[in-house]
Amino acid sequence: MEDLNSIQHRLGAALDRLEQKLGAVPVGAPTAAMGAANDHAAQAGAAQTAALAAEVERQKTAIVALERGIAELRAANAALIKANDTAQAGESRVADQSLQAEVAAMRADRQAEQAEVAALLVALGPLVSEEENADA
């Protein structure tokens, strides 16, 4: 209680000094003005608190929407990964079949070339033996 009296005394002294410097403020007037100012500040504080609460709620709603969007993106990403893996597996199967067909075609070409060489050797055989006989 003594602290309160001390603070009240110090405030009174400070108000007296302000009154002397300003010259027009009576001693009782600042307390009424301070009460009105406190009321006004309390109203402004309540309005700011309400606005802040509304903003917090709006931010929470936005966060929930963002989290929902992130979950949808993750699901879409997982589906794309699965589709890509399936496509790559399909592509590799198609690529394997394509390469096997190409190898088979190359083997067939090689066998045809070998047959042609064999036919040429058969056709050239008599000419080569005639040439050897002529040299002998």
C-alpha atoms as a PDB file:
ATOM      1  CA  MET A   1       0.000   0.000   0.000  1.00  0.00           C
ATOM      2  CA  GLU A   2       2.898   2.314   0.756  1.00  0.00           C
ATOM      3  CA  ASP A   3       4.247   1.591  -2.739  1.00  0.00           C
ATOM      4  CA  LEU A   4       0.925   2.643  -4.201  1.00  0.00           C
ATOM      5  CA  ASN A   5       0.973   5.866  -2.191  1.00  0.00           C
ATOM      6  CA  SER A   6       4.531   6.493  -3.255  1.00  0.00           C
ATOM      7  CA  ILE A   7       3.685   5.944  -6.919  1.00  0.00           C
ATOM      8  CA  GLN A   8       0.596   8.160  -6.628  1.00  0.00           C
ATOM      9  CA  HIS A   9       2.696  10.883  -5.010  1.00  0.00           C
ATOM     10  CA  ARG A  10       5.339  10.653  -7.752  1.00  0.00           C
ATOM     11  CA  LEU A  11       2.668  10.780 -10.460  1.00  0.00           C
ATOM     12  CA  GLY A  12       1.087  13.805  -8.808  1.00  0.00           C
ATOM     13  CA  ALA A  13       4.465  15.540  -8.695  1.00  0.00           C
ATOM     14  CA  ALA A  14       5.107  14.709 -12.348  1.00  0.00           C
ATOM     15  CA  LEU A  15       1.677  16.061 -13.296  1.00  0.00           C
ATOM     16  CA  ASP A  16       2.354  19.239 -11.359  1.00  0.00           C
ATOM     17  CA  ARG A  17       5.595  19.737 -13.268  1.00  0.00           C
ATOM     18  CA  LEU A  18       3.768  19.165 -16.547  1.00  0.00           C
ATOM     19  CA  GLU A  19       1.092  21.641 -15.495  1.00  0.00           C
ATOM     20  CA  GLN A  20       3.722  24.257 -14.754  1.00  0.00           C
ATOM     21  CA  LYS A  21       5.364  23.705 -18.126  1.00  0.00           C
ATOM     22  CA  LEU A  22       2.102  23.674 -20.075  1.00  0.00           C
ATOM     23  CA  GLY A  23       0.421  26.283 -17.896  1.00  0.00           C
ATOM     24  CA  ALA A  24      -3.202  25.363 -18.758  1.00  0.00           C
ATOM     25  CA  VAL A  25      -3.827  21.861 -17.406  1.00  0.00           C
ATOM     26  CA  PRO A  26      -5.594  21.675 -14.025  1.00  0.00           C
ATOM     27  CA  VAL A  27      -4.557  18.929 -11.589  1.00  0.00           C
ATOM     28  CA  GLY A  28      -7.853  16.954 -11.743  1.00  0.00           C
ATOM     29  CA  ALA A  29      -8.208  17.121 -15.550  1.00  0.00           C
ATOM     30  CA  PRO A  30      -5.411  14.682 -16.451  1.00  0.00           C
ATOM     31  CA  THR A  31      -6.961  11.868 -14.467  1.00  0.00           C
ATOM     32  CA  ALA A  32     -10.275  12.249 -16.330  1.00  0.00           C
ATOM     33  CA  ALA A  33      -8.439  12.536 -19.631  1.00  0.00           C
ATOM     34  CA  MET A  34      -6.328   9.527 -18.743  1.00  0.00           C
ATOM     35  CA  GLY A  35      -9.468   7.513 -17.941  1.00  0.00           C
ATOM     36  CA  ALA A  36     -10.987   8.430 -21.295  1.00  0.00           C
ATOM     37  CA  ALA A  37      -7.711   7.628 -23.006  1.00  0.00           C
ATOM     38  CA  ASN A  38      -7.574   4.273 -21.205  1.00  0.00           C
ATOM     39  CA  ASP A  39     -11.144   3.521 -22.295  1.00  0.00           C
ATOM     40  CA  HIS A  40     -10.286   4.451 -25.865  1.00  0.00           C
ATOM     41  CA  ALA A  41      -7.107   2.329 -25.718  1.00  0.00           C
ATOM     42  CA  ALA A  42      -9.078  -0.596 -24.292  1.00  0.00           C
ATOM     43  CA  GLN A  43     -11.611  -0.338 -27.126  1.00  0.00           C
ATOM     44  CA  ALA A  44      -8.836  -0.124 -29.693  1.00  0.00           C
ATOM     45  CA  GLY A  45      -7.095  -3.072 -28.049  1.00  0.00           C
ATOM     46  CA  ALA A  46     -10.308  -5.112 -28.133  1.00  0.00           C
ATOM     47  CA  ALA A  47     -10.782  -4.255 -31.820  1.00  0.00           C
ATOM     48  CA  GLN A  48      -7.191  -5.220 -32.571  1.00  0.00           C
ATOM     49  CA  THR A  49      -7.601  -8.456 -30.621  1.00  0.00           C
ATOM     50  CA  ALA A  50     -10.739  -9.300 -32.592  1.00  0.00           C
ATOM     51  CA  ALA A  51      -8.991  -8.464 -35.867  1.00  0.00           C
ATOM     52  CA  LEU A  52      -5.995 -10.545 -34.827  1.00  0.00           C
ATOM     53  CA  ALA A  53      -8.230 -13.488 -33.892  1.00  0.00           C
ATOM     54  CA  ALA A  54      -9.945 -13.235 -37.287  1.00  0.00           C
ATOM     55  CA  GLU A  55      -6.561 -13.154 -39.028  1.00  0.00           C
ATOM     56  CA  VAL A  56      -5.353 -16.165 -37.029  1.00  0.00           C
ATOM     57  CA  GLU A  57      -8.490 -18.075 -38.029  1.00  0.00           C
ATOM     58  CA  ARG A  58      -7.997 -17.074 -41.674  1.00  0.00           C
ATOM     59  CA  GLN A  59      -4.372 -18.248 -41.518  1.00  0.00           C
ATOM     60  CA  LYS A  60      -5.427 -21.571 -39.968  1.00  0.00           C
ATOM     61  CA  THR A  61      -7.967 -22.070 -42.746  1.00  0.00           C
ATOM     62  CA  ALA A  62      -5.303 -21.255 -45.328  1.00  0.00           C
ATOM     63  CA  ILE A  63      -2.883 -23.722 -43.715  1.00  0.00           C
ATOM     64  CA  VAL A  64      -5.509 -26.476 -43.787  1.00  0.00           C
ATOM     65  CA  ALA A  65      -6.179 -25.743 -47.472  1.00  0.00           C
ATOM     66  CA  LEU A  66      -2.446 -25.786 -48.224  1.00  0.00           C
ATOM     67  CA  GLU A  67      -1.969 -29.066 -46.380  1.00  0.00           C
ATOM     68  CA  ARG A  68      -4.871 -30.555 -48.343  1.00  0.00           C
ATOM     69  CA  GLY A  69      -3.287 -29.302 -51.568  1.00  0.00           C
ATOM     70  CA  ILE A  70       0.075 -30.768 -50.577  1.00  0.00           C
ATOM     71  CA  ALA A  71      -1.576 -34.123 -49.872  1.00  0.00           C
ATOM     72  CA  GLU A  72      -3.231 -34.031 -53.308  1.00  0.00           C
ATOM     73  CA  LEU A  73       0.103 -33.161 -54.947  1.00  0.00           C
ATOM     74  CA  ARG A  74       1.828 -36.009 -53.132  1.00  0.00           C
ATOM     75  CA  ALA A  75      -0.857 -38.433 -54.291  1.00  0.00           C
ATOM     76  CA  ALA A  76      -0.577 -37.151 -57.865  1.00  0.00           C
ATOM     77  CA  ASN A  77       3.211 -37.414 -57.693  1.00  0.00           C
ATOM     78  CA  ALA A  78       2.990 -41.005 -56.458  1.00  0.00           C
ATOM     79  CA  ALA A  79       0.590 -41.830 -59.308  1.00  0.00           C
ATOM     80  CA  LEU A  80       2.971 -40.246 -61.818  1.00  0.00           C
ATOM     81  CA  ILE A  81       5.916 -42.190 -60.417  1.00  0.00           C
ATOM     82  CA  LYS A  82       3.934 -45.417 -60.700  1.00  0.00           C
ATOM     83  CA  ALA A  83       2.825 -44.589 -64.246  1.00  0.00           C
ATOM     84  CA  ASN A  84       6.394 -43.703 -65.198  1.00  0.00           C
ATOM     85  CA  ASP A  85       7.713 -46.962 -63.767  1.00  0.00           C
ATOM     86  CA  THR A  86       5.037 -48.892 -65.655  1.00  0.00           C
ATOM     87  CA  ALA A  87       5.820 -47.016 -68.872  1.00  0.00           C
ATOM     88  CA  GLN A  88       9.536 -47.617 -68.477  1.00  0.00           C
ATOM     89  CA  ALA A  89       8.930 -51.300 -67.863  1.00  0.00           C
ATOM     90  CA  GLY A  90       6.728 -51.408 -70.955  1.00  0.00           C
ATOM     91  CA  GLU A  91       9.278 -49.448 -72.966  1.00  0.00           C
ATOM     92  CA  SER A  92      12.088 -51.735 -71.893  1.00  0.00           C
ATOM     93  CA  ARG A  93       9.987 -54.761 -72.882  1.00  0.00           C
ATOM     94  CA  VAL A  94       9.268 -53.171 -76.265  1.00  0.00           C
ATOM     95  CA  ALA A  95      12.907 -52.172 -76.616  1.00  0.00           C
ATOM     96  CA  ASP A  96      13.997 -55.740 -75.788  1.00  0.00           C
ATOM     97  CA  GLN A  97      11.601 -57.166 -78.363  1.00  0.00           C
ATOM     98  CA  SER A  98      12.781 -54.650 -80.929  1.00  0.00           C
ATOM     99  CA  LEU A  99      16.426 -55.481 -80.300  1.00  0.00           C
ATOM    100  CA  GLN A 100      15.704 -59.215 -80.464  1.00  0.00           C
ATOM    101  CA  ALA A 101      13.949 -58.743 -83.812  1.00  0.00           C
ATOM    102  CA  GLU A 102      16.876 -56.694 -85.079  1.00  0.00           C
ATOM    103  CA  VAL A 103      19.368 -59.358 -83.977  1.00  0.00           C
ATOM    104  CA  ALA A 104      17.250 -62.044 -85.674  1.00  0.00           C
ATOM    105  CA  ALA A 105      17.188 -59.978 -88.884  1.00  0.00           C
ATOM    106  CA  MET A 106      20.967 -59.532 -88.743  1.00  0.00           C
ATOM    107  CA  ARG A 107      21.425 -63.286 -88.265  1.00  0.00           C
ATOM    108  CA  ALA A 108      19.176 -63.953 -91.256  1.00  0.00           C
ATOM    109  CA  ASP A 109      21.172 -61.452 -93.329  1.00  0.00           C
ATOM    110  CA  ARG A 110      24.412 -63.119 -92.264  1.00  0.00           C
ATOM    111  CA  GLN A 111      23.101 -66.560 -93.192  1.00  0.00           C
ATOM    112  CA  ALA A 112      21.991 -65.205 -96.583  1.00  0.00           C
ATOM    113  CA  GLU A 113      25.443 -63.698 -97.117  1.00  0.00           C
ATOM    114  CA  GLN A 114      27.074 -66.998 -96.129  1.00  0.00           C
ATOM    115  CA  ALA A 115      24.832 -68.797 -98.615  1.00  0.00           C
ATOM    116  CA  GLU A 116      25.832 -66.314-101.327  1.00  0.00           C
ATOM    117  CA  VAL A 117      29.519 -66.795-100.511  1.00  0.00           C
ATOM    118  CA  ALA A 118      29.048 -70.577-100.612  1.00  0.00           C
ATOM    119  CA  ALA A 119      27.272 -70.284-103.982  1.00  0.00           C
ATOM    120  CA  LEU A 120      30.093 -68.089-105.286  1.00  0.00           C
ATOM    121  CA  LEU A 121      32.681 -70.579-104.066  1.00  0.00           C
ATOM    122  CA  VAL A 122      30.805 -73.392-105.798  1.00  0.00           C
ATOM    123  CA  ALA A 123      30.622 -71.325-108.992  1.00  0.00           C
ATOM    124  CA  LEU A 124      34.264 -70.288-108.731  1.00  0.00           C
ATOM    125  CA  GLY A 125      35.429 -73.802-107.783  1.00  0.00           C
ATOM    126  CA  PRO A 126      35.723 -75.087-111.371  1.00  0.00           C
ATOM    127  CA  LEU A 127      37.401 -71.882-112.511  1.00  0.00           C
ATOM    128  CA  VAL A 128      39.940 -72.099-109.708  1.00  0.00           C
ATOM    129  CA  SER A 129      40.678 -75.757-110.452  1.00  0.00           C
ATOM    130  CA  GLU A 130      41.095 -74.962-114.168  1.00  0.00           C
ATOM    131  CA  GLU A 131      43.484 -72.200-113.259  1.00  0.00           C
ATOM    132  CA  GLU A 132      45.454 -74.567-110.995  1.00  0.00           C
ATOM    133  CA  ASN A 133      45.568 -77.209-113.727  1.00  0.00           C
ATOM    134  CA  ALA A 134      46.750 -74.670-116.238  1.00  0.00           C
ATOM    135  CA  ASP A 135      49.554 -73.559-113.972  1.00  0.00           C
ATOM    136  CA  ALA A 136      50.616 -77.113-113.317  1.00  0.00           C
END
